[in-house]
């Protein structure tokens, strides 16, 4: 896999993570407003998933940069 492909994959993970985190915040807030604890829990799960995806994207990006620096 080329460095460009690896960077694209890291960007994809980061963007998906941002989307899941945002979606989770909306669900969490909506669940809190309506008293729907199930929706709130789902929102918290989406936020956690999003944060993990963003972290994976950051780690992938750092890995590509380290590989570039070692050349």
C-alpha atoms as a PDB file:
ATOM      1  CA  UNK A   1       0.000   0.000   0.000  1.00  0.00           C
ATOM      2  CA  UNK A   2       1.436   3.389  -0.966  1.00  0.00           C
ATOM      3  CA  UNK A   3       1.870   6.275   1.457  1.00  0.00           C
ATOM      4  CA  UNK A   4      -0.914   8.139  -0.336  1.00  0.00           C
ATOM      5  CA  UNK A   5      -3.274   5.202   0.162  1.00  0.00           C
ATOM      6  CA  UNK A   6      -2.312   4.957   3.818  1.00  0.00           C
ATOM      7  CA  UNK A   7      -2.902   8.693   4.320  1.00  0.00           C
ATOM      8  CA  UNK A   8      -6.259   8.428   2.543  1.00  0.00           C
ATOM      9  CA  UNK A   9      -7.229   5.544   4.813  1.00  0.00           C
ATOM     10  CA  UNK A  10      -6.211   7.535   7.898  1.00  0.00           C
ATOM     11  CA  UNK A  11      -8.255  10.507   6.665  1.00  0.00           C
ATOM     12  CA  UNK A  12     -11.250   8.226   6.043  1.00  0.00           C
ATOM     13  CA  UNK A  13     -11.037   6.860   9.574  1.00  0.00           C
ATOM     14  CA  UNK A  14     -10.717  10.349  11.022  1.00  0.00           C
ATOM     15  CA  UNK A  15     -13.706  11.659   9.040  1.00  0.00           C
ATOM     16  CA  UNK A  16     -15.875   8.674   9.929  1.00  0.00           C
ATOM     17  CA  UNK A  17     -14.874   9.158  13.540  1.00  0.00           C
ATOM     18  CA  UNK A  18     -15.861  12.812  13.490  1.00  0.00           C
ATOM     19  CA  UNK A  19     -19.212  11.861  11.943  1.00  0.00           C
ATOM     20  CA  UNK A  20     -19.919   9.143  14.507  1.00  0.00           C
ATOM     21  CA  UNK A  21     -18.912  11.411  17.383  1.00  0.00           C
ATOM     22  CA  UNK A  22     -21.219  14.169  16.133  1.00  0.00           C
ATOM     23  CA  UNK A  23     -24.075  11.725  15.499  1.00  0.00           C
ATOM     24  CA  UNK A  24     -23.597  10.371  19.007  1.00  0.00           C
ATOM     25  CA  UNK A  25     -23.717  13.829  20.567  1.00  0.00           C
ATOM     26  CA  UNK A  26     -26.992  14.563  18.799  1.00  0.00           C
ATOM     27  CA  UNK A  27     -28.525  11.245  19.890  1.00  0.00           C
ATOM     28  CA  UNK A  28     -27.288  11.716  23.449  1.00  0.00           C
ATOM     29  CA  UNK A  29     -28.788  15.207  23.624  1.00  0.00           C
ATOM     30  CA  UNK A  30     -32.064  14.135  22.006  1.00  0.00           C
ATOM     31  CA  UNK A  31     -32.335  11.206  24.402  1.00  0.00           C
ATOM     32  CA  UNK A  32     -31.703  13.512  27.345  1.00  0.00           C
ATOM     33  CA  UNK A  33     -34.361  15.958  26.207  1.00  0.00           C
ATOM     34  CA  UNK A  34     -36.983  13.290  25.600  1.00  0.00           C
ATOM     35  CA  UNK A  35     -36.056  11.045  28.521  1.00  0.00           C
ATOM     36  CA  UNK A  36     -35.193   8.195  26.147  1.00  0.00           C
ATOM     37  CA  UNK A  37     -32.353   6.453  27.988  1.00  0.00           C
ATOM     38  CA  UNK A  38     -31.943   3.925  25.178  1.00  0.00           C
ATOM     39  CA  UNK A  39     -31.296   6.701  22.657  1.00  0.00           C
ATOM     40  CA  UNK A  40     -28.926   8.359  25.108  1.00  0.00           C
ATOM     41  CA  UNK A  41     -26.969   5.120  25.543  1.00  0.00           C
ATOM     42  CA  UNK A  42     -26.825   4.649  21.780  1.00  0.00           C
ATOM     43  CA  UNK A  43     -25.488   8.187  21.474  1.00  0.00           C
ATOM     44  CA  UNK A  44     -22.790   7.557  24.044  1.00  0.00           C
ATOM     45  CA  UNK A  45     -21.783   4.386  22.193  1.00  0.00           C
ATOM     46  CA  UNK A  46     -21.579   6.295  18.881  1.00  0.00           C
ATOM     47  CA  UNK A  47     -19.402   8.932  20.559  1.00  0.00           C
ATOM     48  CA  UNK A  48     -17.050   6.285  21.915  1.00  0.00           C
ATOM     49  CA  UNK A  49     -16.882   4.589  18.520  1.00  0.00           C
ATOM     50  CA  UNK A  50     -16.166   7.940  16.862  1.00  0.00           C
ATOM     51  CA  UNK A  51     -13.376   8.798  19.279  1.00  0.00           C
ATOM     52  CA  UNK A  52     -11.784   5.397  18.669  1.00  0.00           C
ATOM     53  CA  UNK A  53     -11.984   5.870  14.888  1.00  0.00           C
ATOM     54  CA  UNK A  54     -10.413   9.324  15.146  1.00  0.00           C
ATOM     55  CA  UNK A  55      -7.597   7.941  17.292  1.00  0.00           C
ATOM     56  CA  UNK A  56      -6.962   5.119  14.807  1.00  0.00           C
ATOM     57  CA  UNK A  57      -6.772   7.688  12.000  1.00  0.00           C
ATOM     58  CA  UNK A  58      -4.279   9.767  13.990  1.00  0.00           C
ATOM     59  CA  UNK A  59      -2.135   6.713  14.705  1.00  0.00           C
ATOM     60  CA  UNK A  60      -2.172   5.724  11.022  1.00  0.00           C
ATOM     61  CA  UNK A  61      -1.169   9.248  10.006  1.00  0.00           C
ATOM     62  CA  UNK A  62       1.666   9.281  12.566  1.00  0.00           C
ATOM     63  CA  UNK A  63       2.870   5.928  11.252  1.00  0.00           C
ATOM     64  CA  UNK A  64       3.053   7.250   7.681  1.00  0.00           C
ATOM     65  CA  UNK A  65       4.939  10.335   8.859  1.00  0.00           C
ATOM     66  CA  UNK A  66       7.420   8.240  10.841  1.00  0.00           C
ATOM     67  CA  UNK A  67       8.006   6.056   7.787  1.00  0.00           C
ATOM     68  CA  UNK A  68       8.666   9.179   5.697  1.00  0.00           C
ATOM     69  CA  UNK A  69      11.109  10.527   8.259  1.00  0.00           C
ATOM     70  CA  UNK A  70      13.110   7.305   8.319  1.00  0.00           C
ATOM     71  CA  UNK A  71      13.793   7.414   4.594  1.00  0.00           C
END
